[in-house]
């Protein structure tokens, strides 16, 4: 599997964007591993699919239950199972809270 070159600065930038702290050993390992992944994706992109079977015979029919209305939870039961409640509703962490 061919490895596409990926540089340390690229790994460091990705780590910064993902808010990861990597030591030098981890940066080296990620450079190698991400290079292998990028190389593998390049190899997949080069596969000729023009003559490939569409695979329609591989589809599986799923047995799903009928969608029928049922009894839901009452407000007190639902809110009682929540970790945080405020103003008669669920409290969820915003993306900005990290």
PDB file of N, CA and C in Angstrom:
ATOM      1  N   UNK A   1       0.851  -1.172   0.000  1.00  0.00           N
ATOM      2  CA  UNK A   1       0.000   0.000   0.000  1.00  0.00           C
ATOM      3  C   UNK A   1       0.892   1.229   0.000  1.00  0.00           C
ATOM      4  N   UNK A   2       0.778   2.053  -1.030  1.00  0.00           N
ATOM      5  CA  UNK A   2       1.652   3.223  -1.120  1.00  0.00           C
ATOM      6  C   UNK A   2       1.279   4.274  -0.084  1.00  0.00           C
ATOM      7  N   UNK A   3       2.299   4.938   0.456  1.00  0.00           N
ATOM      8  CA  UNK A   3       2.065   6.014   1.431  1.00  0.00           C
ATOM      9  C   UNK A   3       2.212   7.361   0.751  1.00  0.00           C
ATOM     10  N   UNK A   4       1.188   8.174   0.869  1.00  0.00           N
ATOM     11  CA  UNK A   4       1.278   9.550   0.410  1.00  0.00           C
ATOM     12  C   UNK A   4       2.039  10.323   1.473  1.00  0.00           C
ATOM     13  N   UNK A   5       2.902  11.219   1.075  1.00  0.00           N
ATOM     14  CA  UNK A   5       3.602  11.983   2.099  1.00  0.00           C
ATOM     15  C   UNK A   5       2.662  12.937   2.819  1.00  0.00           C
ATOM     16  N   UNK A   6       2.746  12.938   4.118  1.00  0.00           N
ATOM     17  CA  UNK A   6       2.026  13.909   4.940  1.00  0.00           C
ATOM     18  C   UNK A   6       3.071  14.472   5.891  1.00  0.00           C
ATOM     19  N   UNK A   7       3.099  15.747   6.016  1.00  0.00           N
ATOM     20  CA  UNK A   7       4.188  16.393   6.748  1.00  0.00           C
ATOM     21  C   UNK A   7       3.855  16.591   8.226  1.00  0.00           C
ATOM     22  N   UNK A   8       4.901  16.773   9.017  1.00  0.00           N
ATOM     23  CA  UNK A   8       4.730  17.080  10.438  1.00  0.00           C
ATOM     24  C   UNK A   8       3.898  18.347  10.626  1.00  0.00           C
ATOM     25  N   UNK A   9       4.166  19.411   9.843  1.00  0.00           N
ATOM     26  CA  UNK A   9       3.326  20.604  10.011  1.00  0.00           C
ATOM     27  C   UNK A   9       1.844  20.329   9.757  1.00  0.00           C
ATOM     28  N   UNK A  10       1.533  19.462   8.815  1.00  0.00           N
ATOM     29  CA  UNK A  10       0.132  19.116   8.561  1.00  0.00           C
ATOM     30  C   UNK A  10      -0.463  18.375   9.761  1.00  0.00           C
ATOM     31  N   UNK A  11       0.304  17.453  10.333  1.00  0.00           N
ATOM     32  CA  UNK A  11      -0.172  16.719  11.505  1.00  0.00           C
ATOM     33  C   UNK A  11      -0.367  17.679  12.679  1.00  0.00           C
ATOM     34  N   UNK A  12       0.580  18.579  12.877  1.00  0.00           N
ATOM     35  CA  UNK A  12       0.465  19.544  13.965  1.00  0.00           C
ATOM     36  C   UNK A  12      -0.748  20.453  13.777  1.00  0.00           C
ATOM     37  N   UNK A  13      -1.024  20.835  12.533  1.00  0.00           N
ATOM     38  CA  UNK A  13      -2.195  21.678  12.258  1.00  0.00           C
ATOM     39  C   UNK A  13      -3.478  20.907  12.532  1.00  0.00           C
ATOM     40  N   UNK A  14      -3.534  19.645  12.083  1.00  0.00           N
ATOM     41  CA  UNK A  14      -4.712  18.821  12.356  1.00  0.00           C
ATOM     42  C   UNK A  14      -4.916  18.634  13.855  1.00  0.00           C
ATOM     43  N   UNK A  15      -3.828  18.410  14.578  1.00  0.00           N
ATOM     44  CA  UNK A  15      -3.917  18.240  16.027  1.00  0.00           C
ATOM     45  C   UNK A  15      -4.444  19.519  16.681  1.00  0.00           C
ATOM     46  N   UNK A  16      -3.965  20.654  16.209  1.00  0.00           N
ATOM     47  CA  UNK A  16      -4.430  21.924  16.769  1.00  0.00           C
ATOM     48  C   UNK A  16      -5.913  22.123  16.483  1.00  0.00           C
ATOM     49  N   UNK A  17      -6.343  21.826  15.261  1.00  0.00           N
ATOM     50  CA  UNK A  17      -7.758  21.966  14.908  1.00  0.00           C
ATOM     51  C   UNK A  17      -8.637  21.025  15.730  1.00  0.00           C
ATOM     52  N   UNK A  18      -8.100  19.838  16.044  1.00  0.00           N
ATOM     53  CA  UNK A  18      -8.841  18.866  16.847  1.00  0.00           C
ATOM     54  C   UNK A  18      -8.639  19.081  18.341  1.00  0.00           C
ATOM     55  N   UNK A  19      -7.876  20.115  18.668  1.00  0.00           N
ATOM     56  CA  UNK A  19      -7.570  20.447  20.064  1.00  0.00           C
ATOM     57  C   UNK A  19      -6.908  19.287  20.797  1.00  0.00           C
ATOM     58  N   UNK A  20      -5.934  18.674  20.104  1.00  0.00           N
ATOM     59  CA  UNK A  20      -5.167  17.581  20.684  1.00  0.00           C
ATOM     60  C   UNK A  20      -3.762  18.060  20.989  1.00  0.00           C
ATOM     61  N   UNK A  21      -3.226  17.579  22.076  1.00  0.00           N
ATOM     62  CA  UNK A  21      -1.827  17.856  22.394  1.00  0.00           C
ATOM     63  C   UNK A  21      -1.045  16.585  22.137  1.00  0.00           C
ATOM     64  N   UNK A  22      -0.109  16.651  21.197  1.00  0.00           N
ATOM     65  CA  UNK A  22       0.698  15.496  20.843  1.00  0.00           C
ATOM     66  C   UNK A  22       2.152  15.772  21.178  1.00  0.00           C
ATOM     67  N   UNK A  23       2.822  14.775  21.767  1.00  0.00           N
ATOM     68  CA  UNK A  23       4.257  14.927  21.971  1.00  0.00           C
ATOM     69  C   UNK A  23       4.975  14.539  20.678  1.00  0.00           C
ATOM     70  N   UNK A  24       6.298  14.699  20.631  1.00  0.00           N
ATOM     71  CA  UNK A  24       7.058  14.450  19.398  1.00  0.00           C
ATOM     72  C   UNK A  24       6.889  13.022  18.894  1.00  0.00           C
ATOM     73  N   UNK A  25       6.858  12.063  19.803  1.00  0.00           N
ATOM     74  CA  UNK A  25       6.690  10.659  19.405  1.00  0.00           C
ATOM     75  C   UNK A  25       5.327  10.430  18.775  1.00  0.00           C
ATOM     76  N   UNK A  26       4.289  11.039  19.346  1.00  0.00           N
ATOM     77  CA  UNK A  26       2.941  10.903  18.797  1.00  0.00           C
ATOM     78  C   UNK A  26       2.825  11.588  17.441  1.00  0.00           C
ATOM     79  N   UNK A  27       3.484  12.727  17.271  1.00  0.00           N
ATOM     80  CA  UNK A  27       3.462  13.422  15.980  1.00  0.00           C
ATOM     81  C   UNK A  27       4.114  12.537  14.920  1.00  0.00           C
ATOM     82  N   UNK A  28       5.240  11.922  15.258  1.00  0.00           N
ATOM     83  CA  UNK A  28       5.912  11.026  14.307  1.00  0.00           C
ATOM     84  C   UNK A  28       5.015   9.846  13.943  1.00  0.00           C
ATOM     85  N   UNK A  29       4.382   9.233  14.963  1.00  0.00           N
ATOM     86  CA  UNK A  29       3.514   8.084  14.712  1.00  0.00           C
ATOM     87  C   UNK A  29       2.310   8.495  13.871  1.00  0.00           C
ATOM     88  N   UNK A  30       1.705   9.637  14.195  1.00  0.00           N
ATOM     89  CA  UNK A  30       0.543  10.099  13.433  1.00  0.00           C
ATOM     90  C   UNK A  30       0.921  10.461  12.004  1.00  0.00           C
ATOM     91  N   UNK A  31       2.122  11.000  11.810  1.00  0.00           N
ATOM     92  CA  UNK A  31       2.584  11.317  10.463  1.00  0.00           C
ATOM     93  C   UNK A  31       2.635  10.047   9.626  1.00  0.00           C
ATOM     94  N   UNK A  32       3.180   8.977  10.191  1.00  0.00           N
ATOM     95  CA  UNK A  32       3.263   7.693   9.483  1.00  0.00           C
ATOM     96  C   UNK A  32       1.877   7.096   9.263  1.00  0.00           C
ATOM     97  N   UNK A  33       1.058   7.060  10.315  1.00  0.00           N
ATOM     98  CA  UNK A  33      -0.261   6.431  10.210  1.00  0.00           C
ATOM     99  C   UNK A  33      -1.198   7.202   9.295  1.00  0.00           C
ATOM    100  N   UNK A  34      -1.213   8.530   9.411  1.00  0.00           N
ATOM    101  CA  UNK A  34      -2.066   9.317   8.518  1.00  0.00           C
ATOM    102  C   UNK A  34      -1.580   9.231   7.075  1.00  0.00           C
ATOM    103  N   UNK A  35      -0.265   9.151   6.887  1.00  0.00           N
ATOM    104  CA  UNK A  35       0.276   8.965   5.542  1.00  0.00           C
ATOM    105  C   UNK A  35      -0.201   7.657   4.935  1.00  0.00           C
ATOM    106  N   UNK A  36      -0.249   6.595   5.759  1.00  0.00           N
ATOM    107  CA  UNK A  36      -0.731   5.298   5.274  1.00  0.00           C
ATOM    108  C   UNK A  36      -2.218   5.375   4.916  1.00  0.00           C
ATOM    109  N   UNK A  37      -2.990   6.078   5.738  1.00  0.00           N
ATOM    110  CA  UNK A  37      -4.433   6.210   5.469  1.00  0.00           C
ATOM    111  C   UNK A  37      -4.658   6.990   4.181  1.00  0.00           C
ATOM    112  N   UNK A  38      -3.956   8.109   4.017  1.00  0.00           N
ATOM    113  CA  UNK A  38      -4.092   8.914   2.797  1.00  0.00           C
ATOM    114  C   UNK A  38      -3.667   8.098   1.582  1.00  0.00           C
ATOM    115  N   UNK A  39      -2.603   7.325   1.730  1.00  0.00           N
ATOM    116  CA  UNK A  39      -2.153   6.466   0.635  1.00  0.00           C
ATOM    117  C   UNK A  39      -3.187   5.418   0.268  1.00  0.00           C
ATOM    118  N   UNK A  40      -3.790   4.811   1.280  1.00  0.00           N
ATOM    119  CA  UNK A  40      -4.818   3.807   1.045  1.00  0.00           C
ATOM    120  C   UNK A  40      -6.025   4.423   0.348  1.00  0.00           C
ATOM    121  N   UNK A  41      -6.428   5.620   0.781  1.00  0.00           N
ATOM    122  CA  UNK A  41      -7.551   6.291   0.131  1.00  0.00           C
ATOM    123  C   UNK A  41      -7.224   6.601  -1.325  1.00  0.00           C
ATOM    124  N   UNK A  42      -5.981   6.977  -1.597  1.00  0.00           N
ATOM    125  CA  UNK A  42      -5.559   7.211  -2.972  1.00  0.00           C
ATOM    126  C   UNK A  42      -5.637   5.950  -3.800  1.00  0.00           C
ATOM    127  N   UNK A  43      -5.253   4.832  -3.184  1.00  0.00           N
ATOM    128  CA  UNK A  43      -5.333   3.551  -3.887  1.00  0.00           C
ATOM    129  C   UNK A  43      -6.800   3.212  -4.188  1.00  0.00           C
ATOM    130  N   UNK A  44      -7.695   3.433  -3.227  1.00  0.00           N
ATOM    131  CA  UNK A  44      -9.119   3.168  -3.461  1.00  0.00           C
ATOM    132  C   UNK A  44      -9.685   4.067  -4.555  1.00  0.00           C
ATOM    133  N   UNK A  45      -9.236   5.320  -4.575  1.00  0.00           N
ATOM    134  CA  UNK A  45      -9.727   6.259  -5.580  1.00  0.00           C
ATOM    135  C   UNK A  45      -9.306   5.847  -6.991  1.00  0.00           C
ATOM    136  N   UNK A  46      -8.227   5.090  -7.104  1.00  0.00           N
ATOM    137  CA  UNK A  46      -7.741   4.709  -8.423  1.00  0.00           C
ATOM    138  C   UNK A  46      -8.387   3.430  -8.957  1.00  0.00           C
ATOM    139  N   UNK A  47      -9.249   2.785  -8.182  1.00  0.00           N
ATOM    140  CA  UNK A  47      -9.906   1.552  -8.616  1.00  0.00           C
ATOM    141  C   UNK A  47     -10.941   1.876  -9.687  1.00  0.00           C
ATOM    142  N   UNK A  48     -10.904   1.127 -10.787  1.00  0.00           N
ATOM    143  CA  UNK A  48     -11.850   1.319 -11.882  1.00  0.00           C
ATOM    144  C   UNK A  48     -13.162   0.617 -11.544  1.00  0.00           C
ATOM    145  N   UNK A  49     -14.202   1.384 -11.352  1.00  0.00           N
ATOM    146  CA  UNK A  49     -15.507   0.823 -11.001  1.00  0.00           C
ATOM    147  C   UNK A  49     -16.472   0.795 -12.175  1.00  0.00           C
ATOM    148  N   UNK A  50     -16.004   1.133 -13.363  1.00  0.00           N
ATOM    149  CA  UNK A  50     -16.916   1.200 -14.509  1.00  0.00           C
ATOM    150  C   UNK A  50     -17.458  -0.172 -14.890  1.00  0.00           C
ATOM    151  N   UNK A  51     -16.738  -1.237 -14.590  1.00  0.00           N
ATOM    152  CA  UNK A  51     -17.205  -2.577 -14.948  1.00  0.00           C
ATOM    153  C   UNK A  51     -17.703  -3.347 -13.729  1.00  0.00           C
ATOM    154  N   UNK A  52     -17.783  -2.699 -12.585  1.00  0.00           N
ATOM    155  CA  UNK A  52     -18.196  -3.383 -11.359  1.00  0.00           C
ATOM    156  C   UNK A  52     -19.694  -3.634 -11.366  1.00  0.00           C
ATOM    157  N   UNK A  53     -20.095  -4.774 -10.796  1.00  0.00           N
ATOM    158  CA  UNK A  53     -21.501  -5.100 -10.625  1.00  0.00           C
ATOM    159  C   UNK A  53     -22.101  -4.097  -9.644  1.00  0.00           C
ATOM    160  N   UNK A  54     -23.327  -3.694  -9.871  1.00  0.00           N
ATOM    161  CA  UNK A  54     -23.936  -2.695  -8.996  1.00  0.00           C
ATOM    162  C   UNK A  54     -24.239  -3.235  -7.601  1.00  0.00           C
ATOM    163  N   UNK A  55     -24.187  -4.544  -7.410  1.00  0.00           N
ATOM    164  CA  UNK A  55     -24.362  -5.134  -6.093  1.00  0.00           C
ATOM    165  C   UNK A  55     -25.782  -5.141  -5.595  1.00  0.00           C
ATOM    166  N   UNK A  56     -26.743  -4.939  -6.493  1.00  0.00           N
ATOM    167  CA  UNK A  56     -28.137  -4.872  -6.069  1.00  0.00           C
ATOM    168  C   UNK A  56     -28.579  -6.183  -5.433  1.00  0.00           C
ATOM    169  N   UNK A  57     -27.988  -7.296  -5.839  1.00  0.00           N
ATOM    170  CA  UNK A  57     -28.373  -8.579  -5.268  1.00  0.00           C
ATOM    171  C   UNK A  57     -27.873  -8.755  -3.837  1.00  0.00           C
ATOM    172  N   UNK A  58     -26.993  -7.862  -3.401  1.00  0.00           N
ATOM    173  CA  UNK A  58     -26.464  -7.953  -2.045  1.00  0.00           C
ATOM    174  C   UNK A  58     -27.333  -7.219  -1.030  1.00  0.00           C
ATOM    175  N   UNK A  59     -28.362  -6.516  -1.497  1.00  0.00           N
ATOM    176  CA  UNK A  59     -29.230  -5.795  -0.568  1.00  0.00           C
ATOM    177  C   UNK A  59     -30.035  -6.774   0.270  1.00  0.00           C
ATOM    178  N   UNK A  60     -30.205  -6.443   1.518  1.00  0.00           N
ATOM    179  CA  UNK A  60     -30.961  -7.283   2.439  1.00  0.00           C
ATOM    180  C   UNK A  60     -32.269  -6.577   2.767  1.00  0.00           C
ATOM    181  N   UNK A  61     -33.340  -7.325   2.755  1.00  0.00           N
ATOM    182  CA  UNK A  61     -34.620  -6.760   3.130  1.00  0.00           C
ATOM    183  C   UNK A  61     -34.740  -6.832   4.646  1.00  0.00           C
ATOM    184  N   UNK A  62     -34.966  -5.696   5.256  1.00  0.00           N
ATOM    185  CA  UNK A  62     -35.066  -5.632   6.710  1.00  0.00           C
ATOM    186  C   UNK A  62     -36.521  -5.810   7.133  1.00  0.00           C
ATOM    187  N   UNK A  63     -36.704  -6.559   8.193  1.00  0.00           N
ATOM    188  CA  UNK A  63     -38.035  -6.705   8.773  1.00  0.00           C
ATOM    189  C   UNK A  63     -38.169  -5.688   9.894  1.00  0.00           C
ATOM    190  N   UNK A  64     -38.996  -4.706   9.673  1.00  0.00           N
ATOM    191  CA  UNK A  64     -39.201  -3.666  10.662  1.00  0.00           C
ATOM    192  C   UNK A  64     -40.602  -3.790  11.232  1.00  0.00           C
ATOM    193  N   UNK A  65     -40.739  -3.451  12.484  1.00  0.00           N
ATOM    194  CA  UNK A  65     -42.066  -3.487  13.092  1.00  0.00           C
ATOM    195  C   UNK A  65     -42.906  -2.346  12.525  1.00  0.00           C
ATOM    196  N   UNK A  66     -44.184  -2.498  12.621  1.00  0.00           N
ATOM    197  CA  UNK A  66     -45.083  -1.442  12.214  1.00  0.00           C
ATOM    198  C   UNK A  66     -44.894  -0.249  13.135  1.00  0.00           C
ATOM    199  N   UNK A  67     -44.985   0.936  12.590  1.00  0.00           N
ATOM    200  CA  UNK A  67     -44.864   2.155  13.375  1.00  0.00           C
ATOM    201  C   UNK A  67     -46.241   2.500  13.918  1.00  0.00           C
ATOM    202  N   UNK A  68     -46.454   2.151  15.181  1.00  0.00           N
ATOM    203  CA  UNK A  68     -47.751   2.387  15.793  1.00  0.00           C
ATOM    204  C   UNK A  68     -47.585   3.320  16.981  1.00  0.00           C
ATOM    205  N   UNK A  69     -48.510   4.263  17.141  1.00  0.00           N
ATOM    206  CA  UNK A  69     -48.418   5.164  18.296  1.00  0.00           C
ATOM    207  C   UNK A  69     -48.601   4.375  19.584  1.00  0.00           C
ATOM    208  N   UNK A  70     -47.879   4.790  20.602  1.00  0.00           N
ATOM    209  CA  UNK A  70     -47.983   4.133  21.900  1.00  0.00           C
ATOM    210  C   UNK A  70     -47.920   5.167  23.006  1.00  0.00           C
ATOM    211  N   UNK A  71     -47.989   4.686  24.223  1.00  0.00           N
ATOM    212  CA  UNK A  71     -47.940   5.569  25.380  1.00  0.00           C
ATOM    213  C   UNK A  71     -46.502   6.042  25.582  1.00  0.00           C
ATOM    214  N   UNK A  72     -46.293   7.340  25.692  1.00  0.00           N
ATOM    215  CA  UNK A  72     -44.975   7.912  25.947  1.00  0.00           C
ATOM    216  C   UNK A  72     -44.770   8.139  27.437  1.00  0.00           C
ATOM    217  N   UNK A  73     -43.648   8.707  27.774  1.00  0.00           N
ATOM    218  CA  UNK A  73     -43.351   9.025  29.166  1.00  0.00           C
ATOM    219  C   UNK A  73     -44.049  10.321  29.561  1.00  0.00           C
ATOM    220  N   UNK A  74     -44.486  10.364  30.797  1.00  0.00           N
ATOM    221  CA  UNK A  74     -45.036  11.632  31.272  1.00  0.00           C
ATOM    222  C   UNK A  74     -43.857  12.564  31.586  1.00  0.00           C
ATOM    223  N   UNK A  75     -44.130  13.857  31.675  1.00  0.00           N
ATOM    224  CA  UNK A  75     -43.086  14.879  31.854  1.00  0.00           C
ATOM    225  C   UNK A  75     -42.201  14.599  33.063  1.00  0.00           C
ATOM    226  N   UNK A  76     -42.786  14.276  34.215  1.00  0.00           N
ATOM    227  CA  UNK A  76     -42.000  14.054  35.428  1.00  0.00           C
ATOM    228  C   UNK A  76     -41.070  12.853  35.296  1.00  0.00           C
ATOM    229  N   UNK A  77     -41.532  11.785  34.675  1.00  0.00           N
ATOM    230  CA  UNK A  77     -40.698  10.594  34.481  1.00  0.00           C
ATOM    231  C   UNK A  77     -39.540  10.903  33.537  1.00  0.00           C
ATOM    232  N   UNK A  78     -39.846  11.581  32.435  1.00  0.00           N
ATOM    233  CA  UNK A  78     -38.798  11.903  31.457  1.00  0.00           C
ATOM    234  C   UNK A  78     -37.754  12.824  32.070  1.00  0.00           C
ATOM    235  N   UNK A  79     -38.182  13.886  32.720  1.00  0.00           N
ATOM    236  CA  UNK A  79     -37.239  14.823  33.323  1.00  0.00           C
ATOM    237  C   UNK A  79     -36.509  14.196  34.506  1.00  0.00           C
ATOM    238  N   UNK A  80     -37.138  13.255  35.173  1.00  0.00           N
ATOM    239  CA  UNK A  80     -36.516  12.574  36.298  1.00  0.00           C
ATOM    240  C   UNK A  80     -35.336  11.716  35.886  1.00  0.00           C
ATOM    241  N   UNK A  81     -35.252  11.357  34.615  1.00  0.00           N
ATOM    242  CA  UNK A  81     -34.160  10.529  34.115  1.00  0.00           C
ATOM    243  C   UNK A  81     -33.027  11.364  33.532  1.00  0.00           C
ATOM    244  N   UNK A  82     -33.190  12.681  33.559  1.00  0.00           N
ATOM    245  CA  UNK A  82     -32.178  13.568  32.997  1.00  0.00           C
ATOM    246  C   UNK A  82     -31.143  13.933  34.047  1.00  0.00           C
ATOM    247  N   UNK A  83     -29.910  14.091  33.610  1.00  0.00           N
ATOM    248  CA  UNK A  83     -28.835  14.495  34.516  1.00  0.00           C
ATOM    249  C   UNK A  83     -29.009  15.938  34.968  1.00  0.00           C
ATOM    250  N   UNK A  84     -29.519  16.799  34.074  1.00  0.00           N
ATOM    251  CA  UNK A  84     -29.690  18.219  34.401  1.00  0.00           C
ATOM    252  C   UNK A  84     -31.029  18.714  33.861  1.00  0.00           C
ATOM    253  N   UNK A  85     -31.740  19.444  34.698  1.00  0.00           N
ATOM    254  CA  UNK A  85     -33.049  19.992  34.331  1.00  0.00           C
ATOM    255  C   UNK A  85     -33.071  21.467  34.718  1.00  0.00           C
ATOM    256  N   UNK A  86     -33.649  22.294  33.869  1.00  0.00           N
ATOM    257  CA  UNK A  86     -33.842  23.713  34.183  1.00  0.00           C
ATOM    258  C   UNK A  86     -35.093  24.196  33.470  1.00  0.00           C
ATOM    259  N   UNK A  87     -35.857  25.020  34.147  1.00  0.00           N
ATOM    260  CA  UNK A  87     -37.080  25.598  33.576  1.00  0.00           C
ATOM    261  C   UNK A  87     -37.960  24.538  32.923  1.00  0.00           C
ATOM    262  N   UNK A  88     -38.181  23.442  33.617  1.00  0.00           N
ATOM    263  CA  UNK A  88     -39.041  22.342  33.137  1.00  0.00           C
ATOM    264  C   UNK A  88     -38.587  21.746  31.809  1.00  0.00           C
ATOM    265  N   UNK A  89     -37.272  21.713  31.569  1.00  0.00           N
ATOM    266  CA  UNK A  89     -36.751  21.116  30.346  1.00  0.00           C
ATOM    267  C   UNK A  89     -35.394  20.489  30.569  1.00  0.00           C
ATOM    268  N   UNK A  90     -34.930  19.748  29.586  1.00  0.00           N
ATOM    269  CA  UNK A  90     -33.615  19.118  29.628  1.00  0.00           C
ATOM    270  C   UNK A  90     -32.541  20.177  29.433  1.00  0.00           C
ATOM    271  N   UNK A  91     -31.422  20.028  30.125  1.00  0.00           N
ATOM    272  CA  UNK A  91     -30.269  20.902  29.930  1.00  0.00           C
ATOM    273  C   UNK A  91     -29.230  20.085  29.179  1.00  0.00           C
ATOM    274  N   UNK A  92     -28.799  20.627  28.053  1.00  0.00           N
ATOM    275  CA  UNK A  92     -27.755  19.973  27.262  1.00  0.00           C
ATOM    276  C   UNK A  92     -26.574  20.922  27.142  1.00  0.00           C
ATOM    277  N   UNK A  93     -25.390  20.353  27.088  1.00  0.00           N
ATOM    278  CA  UNK A  93     -24.183  21.160  26.990  1.00  0.00           C
ATOM    279  C   UNK A  93     -24.077  21.752  25.589  1.00  0.00           C
ATOM    280  N   UNK A  94     -23.806  23.025  25.503  1.00  0.00           N
ATOM    281  CA  UNK A  94     -23.637  23.651  24.196  1.00  0.00           C
ATOM    282  C   UNK A  94     -22.251  23.338  23.664  1.00  0.00           C
ATOM    283  N   UNK A  95     -22.078  23.447  22.377  1.00  0.00           N
ATOM    284  CA  UNK A  95     -20.790  23.179  21.744  1.00  0.00           C
ATOM    285  C   UNK A  95     -19.727  24.105  22.290  1.00  0.00           C
ATOM    286  N   UNK A  96     -20.080  25.331  22.582  1.00  0.00           N
ATOM    287  CA  UNK A  96     -19.125  26.320  23.065  1.00  0.00           C
ATOM    288  C   UNK A  96     -18.584  25.999  24.459  1.00  0.00           C
ATOM    289  N   UNK A  97     -19.347  25.193  25.248  1.00  0.00           N
ATOM    290  CA  UNK A  97     -18.891  24.837  26.590  1.00  0.00           C
ATOM    291  C   UNK A  97     -17.719  23.876  26.549  1.00  0.00           C
ATOM    292  N   UNK A  98     -17.557  23.148  25.418  1.00  0.00           N
ATOM    293  CA  UNK A  98     -16.457  22.209  25.271  1.00  0.00           C
ATOM    294  C   UNK A  98     -16.659  21.041  26.107  1.00  0.00           C
TER     295      UNK A  98
END
